[in-house]
Amino acid sequence: MQSGATDDPVSVIARNLPFLRRYARALTGSQSTGDRFAAMTLEALLEDAGALAGEDPRIALFRAFHLVWASAGAPLGDPDSRLSGQAQAHMASLTRNSREALLLSAIEGFRFAEIGRIMDIDAGAAEDLVQVAKREMADSVAGAVLIIEDEAIIAIDIQMIVSEMGHRVTGIARTRAQAVDLASQDRPDLILADIQLADHSSGIDAVNDILRQFDDVPVIFITAFPERLLTGQKPEPAFLIAKPYAEDQLRSAVSQAMFFASTETLSS
């Protein structure tokens, strides 16, 4: 998600729109609400072309979203499940603006100075908010995690990171059938799932099978091509990170999923 020096602003914005939608979805807790504010952001930029003048188009896009969302009162989406309702209740206990800063840093890859520009704060304040969010989320909950990943090195890396965070790994599945079996034996509180599995089965199908048994388990999908799943079609994954991932990115996603996630299936 980068803008080249020779890219025109419209092309940069178009290329980054799926990532804005990902961010808006995670921030508001609702695909429909996130998409609505992403659309409002584009409308605002069309009406005020000057917002792009002298600004990195990617930063301008996220900054415009924040202005639109904040002006509307920073609303959340309507809870679509019991877990979603609990997540929004937890939201009220977080330090103001900390989740926005963490998402912009760990998930979207902005530097602290860029986060400051987007949120209209200085870089030091942005860094402080990120650290506060990490502490508040990591300390809030620990649980059982099922890993669905067919690449052994990646699976071991994920297991080590999750275990170091204080969570218990229920098992590592390399196929759809193994994933469903492990979930049936030990109900997970969180699922980390790759998309393409060892026997050419689908991690998406495995997750949907599991969610038919337990419909309120948060899921983080991991893929080398996140934009292929951020299409605007419903439903979309609530949490989606790209390969290769950074350890801090995975830790952030796990903490947030445990603390905030609503669960929805993803059509294959």
C-alpha atoms as a PDB file:
ATOM      1  CA  MET A   1       0.000   0.000   0.000  1.00  0.00           C
ATOM      2  CA  GLN A   2       2.426   2.606  -1.265  1.00  0.00           C
ATOM      3  CA  SER A   3       2.270   5.586  -3.548  1.00  0.00           C
ATOM      4  CA  GLY A   4       4.988   6.100  -6.122  1.00  0.00           C
ATOM      5  CA  ALA A   5       6.438   9.503  -6.838  1.00  0.00           C
ATOM      6  CA  THR A   6       5.099   9.508 -10.413  1.00  0.00           C
ATOM      7  CA  ASP A   7       1.626   8.181  -9.618  1.00  0.00           C
ATOM      8  CA  ASP A   8      -1.245  10.608 -10.034  1.00  0.00           C
ATOM      9  CA  PRO A   9      -3.429  11.191  -6.925  1.00  0.00           C
ATOM     10  CA  VAL A  10      -6.501   9.518  -8.389  1.00  0.00           C
ATOM     11  CA  SER A  11      -4.597   6.301  -9.115  1.00  0.00           C
ATOM     12  CA  VAL A  12      -3.095   6.257  -5.615  1.00  0.00           C
ATOM     13  CA  ILE A  13      -6.506   6.755  -4.014  1.00  0.00           C
ATOM     14  CA  ALA A  14      -8.087   4.059  -6.166  1.00  0.00           C
ATOM     15  CA  ARG A  15      -5.323   1.606  -5.269  1.00  0.00           C
ATOM     16  CA  ASN A  16      -5.676   2.347  -1.557  1.00  0.00           C
ATOM     17  CA  LEU A  17      -9.468   2.367  -1.370  1.00  0.00           C
ATOM     18  CA  PRO A  18      -9.707  -1.354  -0.398  1.00  0.00           C
ATOM     19  CA  PHE A  19      -7.355  -0.664   2.515  1.00  0.00           C
ATOM     20  CA  LEU A  20      -9.364   2.349   3.620  1.00  0.00           C
ATOM     21  CA  ARG A  21     -12.427   0.118   3.616  1.00  0.00           C
ATOM     22  CA  ARG A  22     -10.539  -2.467   5.698  1.00  0.00           C
ATOM     23  CA  TYR A  23      -9.578   0.243   8.173  1.00  0.00           C
ATOM     24  CA  ALA A  24     -13.100   1.687   8.293  1.00  0.00           C
ATOM     25  CA  ARG A  25     -14.560  -1.775   8.870  1.00  0.00           C
ATOM     26  CA  ALA A  26     -12.190  -2.512  11.745  1.00  0.00           C
ATOM     27  CA  LEU A  27     -12.694   0.940  13.254  1.00  0.00           C
ATOM     28  CA  THR A  28     -16.495   1.013  13.158  1.00  0.00           C
ATOM     29  CA  GLY A  29     -17.070  -2.703  13.780  1.00  0.00           C
ATOM     30  CA  SER A  30     -19.408  -2.946  10.796  1.00  0.00           C
ATOM     31  CA  GLN A  31     -18.888  -3.523   7.100  1.00  0.00           C
ATOM     32  CA  SER A  32     -21.925  -1.473   6.111  1.00  0.00           C
ATOM     33  CA  THR A  33     -21.004   1.444   8.366  1.00  0.00           C
ATOM     34  CA  GLY A  34     -17.358   1.368   7.275  1.00  0.00           C
ATOM     35  CA  ASP A  35     -18.323   1.275   3.603  1.00  0.00           C
ATOM     36  CA  ARG A  36     -20.747   4.150   4.071  1.00  0.00           C
ATOM     37  CA  PHE A  37     -18.080   6.398   5.539  1.00  0.00           C
ATOM     38  CA  ALA A  38     -15.546   5.329   2.909  1.00  0.00           C
ATOM     39  CA  ALA A  39     -18.053   6.393   0.234  1.00  0.00           C
ATOM     40  CA  MET A  40     -18.690   9.679   2.042  1.00  0.00           C
ATOM     41  CA  THR A  41     -14.934  10.244   2.121  1.00  0.00           C
ATOM     42  CA  LEU A  42     -14.668   9.887  -1.655  1.00  0.00           C
ATOM     43  CA  GLU A  43     -17.561  12.291  -2.106  1.00  0.00           C
ATOM     44  CA  ALA A  44     -15.843  14.814   0.162  1.00  0.00           C
ATOM     45  CA  LEU A  45     -12.610  14.560  -1.836  1.00  0.00           C
ATOM     46  CA  LEU A  46     -14.487  15.047  -5.115  1.00  0.00           C
ATOM     47  CA  GLU A  47     -16.123  18.179  -3.718  1.00  0.00           C
ATOM     48  CA  ASP A  48     -12.843  19.545  -2.329  1.00  0.00           C
ATOM     49  CA  ALA A  49     -10.028  18.720  -4.732  1.00  0.00           C
ATOM     50  CA  GLY A  50      -7.819  21.091  -2.763  1.00  0.00           C
ATOM     51  CA  ALA A  51      -7.595  18.504   0.012  1.00  0.00           C
ATOM     52  CA  LEU A  52      -5.071  16.637  -2.147  1.00  0.00           C
ATOM     53  CA  ALA A  53      -2.885  19.656  -2.883  1.00  0.00           C
ATOM     54  CA  GLY A  54       0.611  19.306  -1.482  1.00  0.00           C
ATOM     55  CA  GLU A  55      -0.296  16.130   0.433  1.00  0.00           C
ATOM     56  CA  ASP A  56       0.604  12.481  -0.011  1.00  0.00           C
ATOM     57  CA  PRO A  57      -2.642  11.167  -1.599  1.00  0.00           C
ATOM     58  CA  ARG A  58      -2.676   8.133   0.699  1.00  0.00           C
ATOM     59  CA  ILE A  59      -2.413  10.299   3.806  1.00  0.00           C
ATOM     60  CA  ALA A  60      -4.991  12.694   2.351  1.00  0.00           C
ATOM     61  CA  LEU A  61      -7.416   9.801   1.840  1.00  0.00           C
ATOM     62  CA  PHE A  62      -7.198   8.583   5.430  1.00  0.00           C
ATOM     63  CA  ARG A  63      -7.190  12.144   6.777  1.00  0.00           C
ATOM     64  CA  ALA A  64     -10.360  12.927   4.845  1.00  0.00           C
ATOM     65  CA  PHE A  65     -11.972   9.792   6.248  1.00  0.00           C
ATOM     66  CA  HIS A  66     -11.147  10.861   9.793  1.00  0.00           C
ATOM     67  CA  LEU A  67     -12.587  14.307   9.237  1.00  0.00           C
ATOM     68  CA  VAL A  68     -15.814  12.874   7.843  1.00  0.00           C
ATOM     69  CA  TRP A  69     -16.124  10.173  10.507  1.00  0.00           C
ATOM     70  CA  ALA A  70     -15.313  12.527  13.399  1.00  0.00           C
ATOM     71  CA  SER A  71     -17.737  15.165  12.134  1.00  0.00           C
ATOM     72  CA  ALA A  72     -20.477  12.542  12.287  1.00  0.00           C
ATOM     73  CA  GLY A  73     -19.671  11.788  15.935  1.00  0.00           C
ATOM     74  CA  ALA A  74     -17.318   8.812  15.319  1.00  0.00           C
ATOM     75  CA  PRO A  75     -20.209   6.326  15.161  1.00  0.00           C
ATOM     76  CA  LEU A  76     -19.960   2.554  15.404  1.00  0.00           C
ATOM     77  CA  GLY A  77     -22.044   0.077  13.445  1.00  0.00           C
ATOM     78  CA  ASP A  78     -25.013  -1.701  14.968  1.00  0.00           C
ATOM     79  CA  PRO A  79     -23.906  -4.893  16.760  1.00  0.00           C
ATOM     80  CA  ASP A  80     -24.630  -7.911  14.571  1.00  0.00           C
ATOM     81  CA  SER A  81     -24.001 -10.572  17.208  1.00  0.00           C
ATOM     82  CA  ARG A  82     -23.595 -11.078  20.939  1.00  0.00           C
ATOM     83  CA  LEU A  83     -19.824 -10.824  20.546  1.00  0.00           C
ATOM     84  CA  SER A  84     -20.128  -7.648  18.536  1.00  0.00           C
ATOM     85  CA  GLY A  85     -22.237  -6.069  21.259  1.00  0.00           C
ATOM     86  CA  GLN A  86     -19.678  -7.009  23.895  1.00  0.00           C
ATOM     87  CA  ALA A  87     -16.911  -5.588  21.738  1.00  0.00           C
ATOM     88  CA  GLN A  88     -18.589  -2.223  21.451  1.00  0.00           C
ATOM     89  CA  ALA A  89     -19.133  -2.157  25.191  1.00  0.00           C
ATOM     90  CA  HIS A  90     -15.391  -2.780  25.652  1.00  0.00           C
ATOM     91  CA  MET A  91     -14.666   0.049  23.228  1.00  0.00           C
ATOM     92  CA  ALA A  92     -15.958   2.587  25.734  1.00  0.00           C
ATOM     93  CA  SER A  93     -13.221   1.634  28.209  1.00  0.00           C
ATOM     94  CA  LEU A  94     -10.332   2.432  25.855  1.00  0.00           C
ATOM     95  CA  THR A  95      -8.380   5.654  25.964  1.00  0.00           C
ATOM     96  CA  ARG A  96      -9.841   8.107  23.468  1.00  0.00           C
ATOM     97  CA  ASN A  97      -8.361   7.833  19.948  1.00  0.00           C
ATOM     98  CA  SER A  98      -6.010   4.987  20.900  1.00  0.00           C
ATOM     99  CA  ARG A  99      -7.601   2.357  18.698  1.00  0.00           C
ATOM    100  CA  GLU A 100      -7.507   4.594  15.636  1.00  0.00           C
ATOM    101  CA  ALA A 101      -3.795   5.195  16.162  1.00  0.00           C
ATOM    102  CA  LEU A 102      -3.065   1.501  16.644  1.00  0.00           C
ATOM    103  CA  LEU A 103      -4.959   0.489  13.503  1.00  0.00           C
ATOM    104  CA  LEU A 104      -3.198   3.129  11.441  1.00  0.00           C
ATOM    105  CA  SER A 105       0.192   1.985  12.749  1.00  0.00           C
ATOM    106  CA  ALA A 106       0.085  -1.787  13.022  1.00  0.00           C
ATOM    107  CA  ILE A 107      -2.455  -2.678  10.348  1.00  0.00           C
ATOM    108  CA  GLU A 108      -2.107   0.087   7.758  1.00  0.00           C
ATOM    109  CA  GLY A 109       1.617   0.705   8.237  1.00  0.00           C
ATOM    110  CA  PHE A 110       1.640   4.475   8.744  1.00  0.00           C
ATOM    111  CA  ARG A 111       4.548   6.082  10.605  1.00  0.00           C
ATOM    112  CA  PHE A 112       3.847   8.107  13.730  1.00  0.00           C
ATOM    113  CA  ALA A 113       4.307  11.419  11.919  1.00  0.00           C
ATOM    114  CA  GLU A 114       1.832  10.277   9.265  1.00  0.00           C
ATOM    115  CA  ILE A 115      -0.657   9.169  11.918  1.00  0.00           C
ATOM    116  CA  GLY A 116      -0.307  12.582  13.477  1.00  0.00           C
ATOM    117  CA  ARG A 117      -1.135  14.203  10.167  1.00  0.00           C
ATOM    118  CA  ILE A 118      -4.157  11.974   9.676  1.00  0.00           C
ATOM    119  CA  MET A 119      -5.501  12.464  13.203  1.00  0.00           C
ATOM    120  CA  ASP A 120      -4.365  16.101  13.549  1.00  0.00           C
ATOM    121  CA  ILE A 121      -2.031  15.420  16.481  1.00  0.00           C
ATOM    122  CA  ASP A 122       1.760  15.460  16.774  1.00  0.00           C
ATOM    123  CA  ALA A 123       3.937  12.396  16.192  1.00  0.00           C
ATOM    124  CA  GLY A 124       4.748  11.968  19.883  1.00  0.00           C
ATOM    125  CA  ALA A 125       1.073  11.913  20.812  1.00  0.00           C
ATOM    126  CA  ALA A 126       0.425   9.364  18.084  1.00  0.00           C
ATOM    127  CA  GLU A 127       3.160   7.080  19.430  1.00  0.00           C
ATOM    128  CA  ASP A 128       1.792   7.423  22.959  1.00  0.00           C
ATOM    129  CA  LEU A 129      -1.711   6.453  21.786  1.00  0.00           C
ATOM    130  CA  VAL A 130      -0.377   3.357  20.017  1.00  0.00           C
ATOM    131  CA  GLN A 131       1.445   2.181  23.143  1.00  0.00           C
ATOM    132  CA  VAL A 132      -1.624   2.822  25.325  1.00  0.00           C
ATOM    133  CA  ALA A 133      -3.829   0.793  22.973  1.00  0.00           C
ATOM    134  CA  LYS A 134      -1.392  -2.116  22.937  1.00  0.00           C
ATOM    135  CA  ARG A 135      -1.318  -2.263  26.728  1.00  0.00           C
ATOM    136  CA  GLU A 136      -5.065  -1.951  27.172  1.00  0.00           C
ATOM    137  CA  MET A 137      -5.904  -4.603  24.590  1.00  0.00           C
ATOM    138  CA  ALA A 138      -3.179  -7.101  25.472  1.00  0.00           C
ATOM    139  CA  ASP A 139      -4.045  -7.006  29.168  1.00  0.00           C
ATOM    140  CA  SER A 140      -7.768  -7.394  28.641  1.00  0.00           C
ATOM    141  CA  VAL A 141      -8.240 -11.003  27.609  1.00  0.00           C
ATOM    142  CA  ALA A 142      -6.441 -14.285  26.944  1.00  0.00           C
ATOM    143  CA  GLY A 143      -7.903 -17.355  25.335  1.00  0.00           C
ATOM    144  CA  ALA A 144      -7.588 -20.441  23.151  1.00  0.00           C
ATOM    145  CA  VAL A 145      -6.365 -19.990  19.565  1.00  0.00           C
ATOM    146  CA  LEU A 146      -6.698 -22.393  16.621  1.00  0.00           C
ATOM    147  CA  ILE A 147      -4.129 -21.927  13.833  1.00  0.00           C
ATOM    148  CA  ILE A 148      -5.054 -23.039  10.307  1.00  0.00           C
ATOM    149  CA  GLU A 149      -1.837 -22.825   8.281  1.00  0.00           C
ATOM    150  CA  ASP A 150      -0.147 -25.358   5.998  1.00  0.00           C
ATOM    151  CA  GLU A 151       3.344 -23.787   5.894  1.00  0.00           C
ATOM    152  CA  ALA A 152       5.216 -25.246   8.868  1.00  0.00           C
ATOM    153  CA  ILE A 153       7.621 -22.349   9.424  1.00  0.00           C
ATOM    154  CA  ILE A 154       4.834 -19.785   9.371  1.00  0.00           C
ATOM    155  CA  ALA A 155       2.639 -21.938  11.626  1.00  0.00           C
ATOM    156  CA  ILE A 156       5.437 -22.263  14.198  1.00  0.00           C
ATOM    157  CA  ASP A 157       6.122 -18.528  14.061  1.00  0.00           C
ATOM    158  CA  ILE A 158       2.444 -17.746  14.654  1.00  0.00           C
ATOM    159  CA  GLN A 159       2.306 -20.268  17.479  1.00  0.00           C
ATOM    160  CA  MET A 160       5.303 -18.674  19.210  1.00  0.00           C
ATOM    161  CA  ILE A 161       3.900 -15.161  18.906  1.00  0.00           C
ATOM    162  CA  VAL A 162       0.450 -16.156  20.146  1.00  0.00           C
ATOM    163  CA  SER A 163       1.882 -18.170  23.046  1.00  0.00           C
ATOM    164  CA  GLU A 164       4.168 -15.313  24.087  1.00  0.00           C
ATOM    165  CA  MET A 165       1.085 -13.123  24.285  1.00  0.00           C
ATOM    166  CA  GLY A 166      -0.373 -15.449  26.906  1.00  0.00           C
ATOM    167  CA  HIS A 167      -2.820 -17.338  24.720  1.00  0.00           C
ATOM    168  CA  ARG A 168      -3.146 -21.126  24.516  1.00  0.00           C
ATOM    169  CA  VAL A 169      -2.805 -22.707  21.058  1.00  0.00           C
ATOM    170  CA  THR A 170      -5.337 -25.544  20.705  1.00  0.00           C
ATOM    171  CA  GLY A 171      -3.612 -26.943  17.619  1.00  0.00           C
ATOM    172  CA  ILE A 172      -2.292 -26.332  14.108  1.00  0.00           C
ATOM    173  CA  ALA A 173      -4.352 -27.598  11.166  1.00  0.00           C
ATOM    174  CA  ARG A 174      -2.953 -28.014   7.643  1.00  0.00           C
ATOM    175  CA  THR A 175      -6.241 -28.956   5.963  1.00  0.00           C
ATOM    176  CA  ARG A 176      -9.931 -28.134   6.148  1.00  0.00           C
ATOM    177  CA  ALA A 177     -10.782 -31.489   7.710  1.00  0.00           C
ATOM    178  CA  GLN A 178      -8.071 -31.181  10.371  1.00  0.00           C
ATOM    179  CA  ALA A 179      -9.274 -27.692  11.255  1.00  0.00           C
ATOM    180  CA  VAL A 180     -12.862 -28.782  11.761  1.00  0.00           C
ATOM    181  CA  ASP A 181     -11.762 -31.784  13.810  1.00  0.00           C
ATOM    182  CA  LEU A 182      -9.495 -29.714  16.083  1.00  0.00           C
ATOM    183  CA  ALA A 183     -12.224 -27.134  16.650  1.00  0.00           C
ATOM    184  CA  SER A 184     -14.706 -29.851  17.561  1.00  0.00           C
ATOM    185  CA  GLN A 185     -12.300 -31.287  20.137  1.00  0.00           C
ATOM    186  CA  ASP A 186     -11.332 -27.969  21.732  1.00  0.00           C
ATOM    187  CA  ARG A 187     -13.511 -24.929  21.049  1.00  0.00           C
ATOM    188  CA  PRO A 188     -11.292 -21.945  20.123  1.00  0.00           C
ATOM    189  CA  ASP A 189     -11.790 -18.364  21.257  1.00  0.00           C
ATOM    190  CA  LEU A 190      -9.999 -17.155  18.128  1.00  0.00           C
ATOM    191  CA  ILE A 191      -9.127 -18.632  14.726  1.00  0.00           C
ATOM    192  CA  LEU A 192      -6.070 -17.624  12.669  1.00  0.00           C
ATOM    193  CA  ALA A 193      -6.583 -18.953   9.145  1.00  0.00           C
ATOM    194  CA  ASP A 194      -4.626 -19.029   5.914  1.00  0.00           C
ATOM    195  CA  ILE A 195      -6.692 -19.076   2.721  1.00  0.00           C
ATOM    196  CA  GLN A 196      -4.986 -21.818   0.679  1.00  0.00           C
ATOM    197  CA  LEU A 197      -4.289 -25.066   2.551  1.00  0.00           C
ATOM    198  CA  ALA A 198      -2.049 -28.097   1.982  1.00  0.00           C
ATOM    199  CA  ASP A 199      -4.547 -30.324   0.167  1.00  0.00           C
ATOM    200  CA  HIS A 200      -5.806 -27.402  -1.951  1.00  0.00           C
ATOM    201  CA  SER A 201      -8.771 -27.024   0.359  1.00  0.00           C
ATOM    202  CA  SER A 202      -9.929 -23.598   1.453  1.00  0.00           C
ATOM    203  CA  GLY A 203      -9.273 -21.986   4.791  1.00  0.00           C
ATOM    204  CA  ILE A 204     -12.411 -19.964   4.177  1.00  0.00           C
ATOM    205  CA  ASP A 205     -14.456 -23.165   3.900  1.00  0.00           C
ATOM    206  CA  ALA A 206     -12.813 -24.529   7.045  1.00  0.00           C
ATOM    207  CA  VAL A 207     -13.735 -21.392   8.973  1.00  0.00           C
ATOM    208  CA  ASN A 208     -17.311 -21.462   7.708  1.00  0.00           C
ATOM    209  CA  ASP A 209     -17.602 -25.125   8.776  1.00  0.00           C
ATOM    210  CA  ILE A 210     -16.365 -24.225  12.257  1.00  0.00           C
ATOM    211  CA  LEU A 211     -18.649 -21.203  12.542  1.00  0.00           C
ATOM    212  CA  ARG A 212     -21.629 -23.415  11.832  1.00  0.00           C
ATOM    213  CA  GLN A 213     -20.780 -25.089  15.136  1.00  0.00           C
ATOM    214  CA  PHE A 214     -19.672 -21.970  17.037  1.00  0.00           C
ATOM    215  CA  ASP A 215     -21.110 -18.815  15.525  1.00  0.00           C
ATOM    216  CA  ASP A 216     -19.407 -16.261  17.743  1.00  0.00           C
ATOM    217  CA  VAL A 217     -15.696 -17.008  17.303  1.00  0.00           C
ATOM    218  CA  PRO A 218     -13.581 -14.136  15.943  1.00  0.00           C
ATOM    219  CA  VAL A 219     -11.428 -14.919  12.904  1.00  0.00           C
ATOM    220  CA  ILE A 220      -8.271 -13.415  11.449  1.00  0.00           C
ATOM    221  CA  PHE A 221      -7.606 -14.360   7.823  1.00  0.00           C
ATOM    222  CA  ILE A 222      -4.007 -14.291   6.576  1.00  0.00           C
ATOM    223  CA  THR A 223      -3.313 -14.003   2.853  1.00  0.00           C
ATOM    224  CA  ALA A 224      -0.696 -12.766   0.420  1.00  0.00           C
ATOM    225  CA  PHE A 225      -3.426 -10.968  -1.539  1.00  0.00           C
ATOM    226  CA  PRO A 226      -5.723  -9.122   0.896  1.00  0.00           C
ATOM    227  CA  GLU A 227      -7.164  -6.878  -1.818  1.00  0.00           C
ATOM    228  CA  ARG A 228      -8.744  -9.936  -3.447  1.00  0.00           C
ATOM    229  CA  LEU A 229     -10.946 -10.372  -0.386  1.00  0.00           C
ATOM    230  CA  LEU A 230     -11.691  -6.659   0.072  1.00  0.00           C
ATOM    231  CA  THR A 231     -14.046  -6.461  -2.878  1.00  0.00           C
ATOM    232  CA  GLY A 232     -17.060  -4.702  -1.406  1.00  0.00           C
ATOM    233  CA  GLN A 233     -19.122  -7.870  -1.594  1.00  0.00           C
ATOM    234  CA  LYS A 234     -20.740  -9.156   1.583  1.00  0.00           C
ATOM    235  CA  PRO A 235     -19.763 -10.615   3.886  1.00  0.00           C
ATOM    236  CA  GLU A 236     -16.095  -9.731   4.243  1.00  0.00           C
ATOM    237  CA  PRO A 237     -13.650 -10.825   6.936  1.00  0.00           C
ATOM    238  CA  ALA A 238     -13.599  -8.554   9.958  1.00  0.00           C
ATOM    239  CA  PHE A 239      -9.826  -9.032  10.377  1.00  0.00           C
ATOM    240  CA  LEU A 240      -7.465  -9.510   7.470  1.00  0.00           C
ATOM    241  CA  ILE A 241      -3.661  -9.235   7.433  1.00  0.00           C
ATOM    242  CA  ALA A 242      -1.248  -9.683   4.561  1.00  0.00           C
ATOM    243  CA  LYS A 243       1.691 -12.007   4.091  1.00  0.00           C
ATOM    244  CA  PRO A 244       4.470 -11.382   4.783  1.00  0.00           C
ATOM    245  CA  TYR A 245       3.266  -9.977   8.086  1.00  0.00           C
ATOM    246  CA  ALA A 246       5.249  -8.169  10.764  1.00  0.00           C
ATOM    247  CA  GLU A 247       5.191  -9.579  14.291  1.00  0.00           C
ATOM    248  CA  ASP A 248       3.757  -6.324  15.624  1.00  0.00           C
ATOM    249  CA  GLN A 249       0.990  -6.468  13.033  1.00  0.00           C
ATOM    250  CA  LEU A 250       0.002  -9.984  14.039  1.00  0.00           C
ATOM    251  CA  ARG A 251       0.097  -9.137  17.743  1.00  0.00           C
ATOM    252  CA  SER A 252      -2.124  -6.134  17.123  1.00  0.00           C
ATOM    253  CA  ALA A 253      -4.640  -8.129  15.100  1.00  0.00           C
ATOM    254  CA  VAL A 254      -4.796 -10.906  17.714  1.00  0.00           C
ATOM    255  CA  SER A 255      -5.307  -8.442  20.553  1.00  0.00           C
ATOM    256  CA  GLN A 256      -8.014  -6.606  18.667  1.00  0.00           C
ATOM    257  CA  ALA A 257      -9.803  -9.735  17.534  1.00  0.00           C
ATOM    258  CA  MET A 258      -9.928 -11.049  21.077  1.00  0.00           C
ATOM    259  CA  PHE A 259     -11.084  -7.703  22.395  1.00  0.00           C
ATOM    260  CA  PHE A 260     -13.323  -6.336  19.675  1.00  0.00           C
ATOM    261  CA  ALA A 261     -14.207  -8.774  16.909  1.00  0.00           C
ATOM    262  CA  SER A 262     -17.629  -9.591  15.632  1.00  0.00           C
ATOM    263  CA  THR A 263     -17.803 -12.842  13.690  1.00  0.00           C
ATOM    264  CA  GLU A 264     -19.030 -13.135  10.133  1.00  0.00           C
ATOM    265  CA  THR A 265     -18.451 -15.855   7.555  1.00  0.00           C
ATOM    266  CA  LEU A 266     -16.771 -15.104   4.271  1.00  0.00           C
ATOM    267  CA  SER A 267     -18.270 -16.464   1.070  1.00  0.00           C
ATOM    268  CA  SER A 268     -15.801 -18.440  -0.985  1.00  0.00           C
END
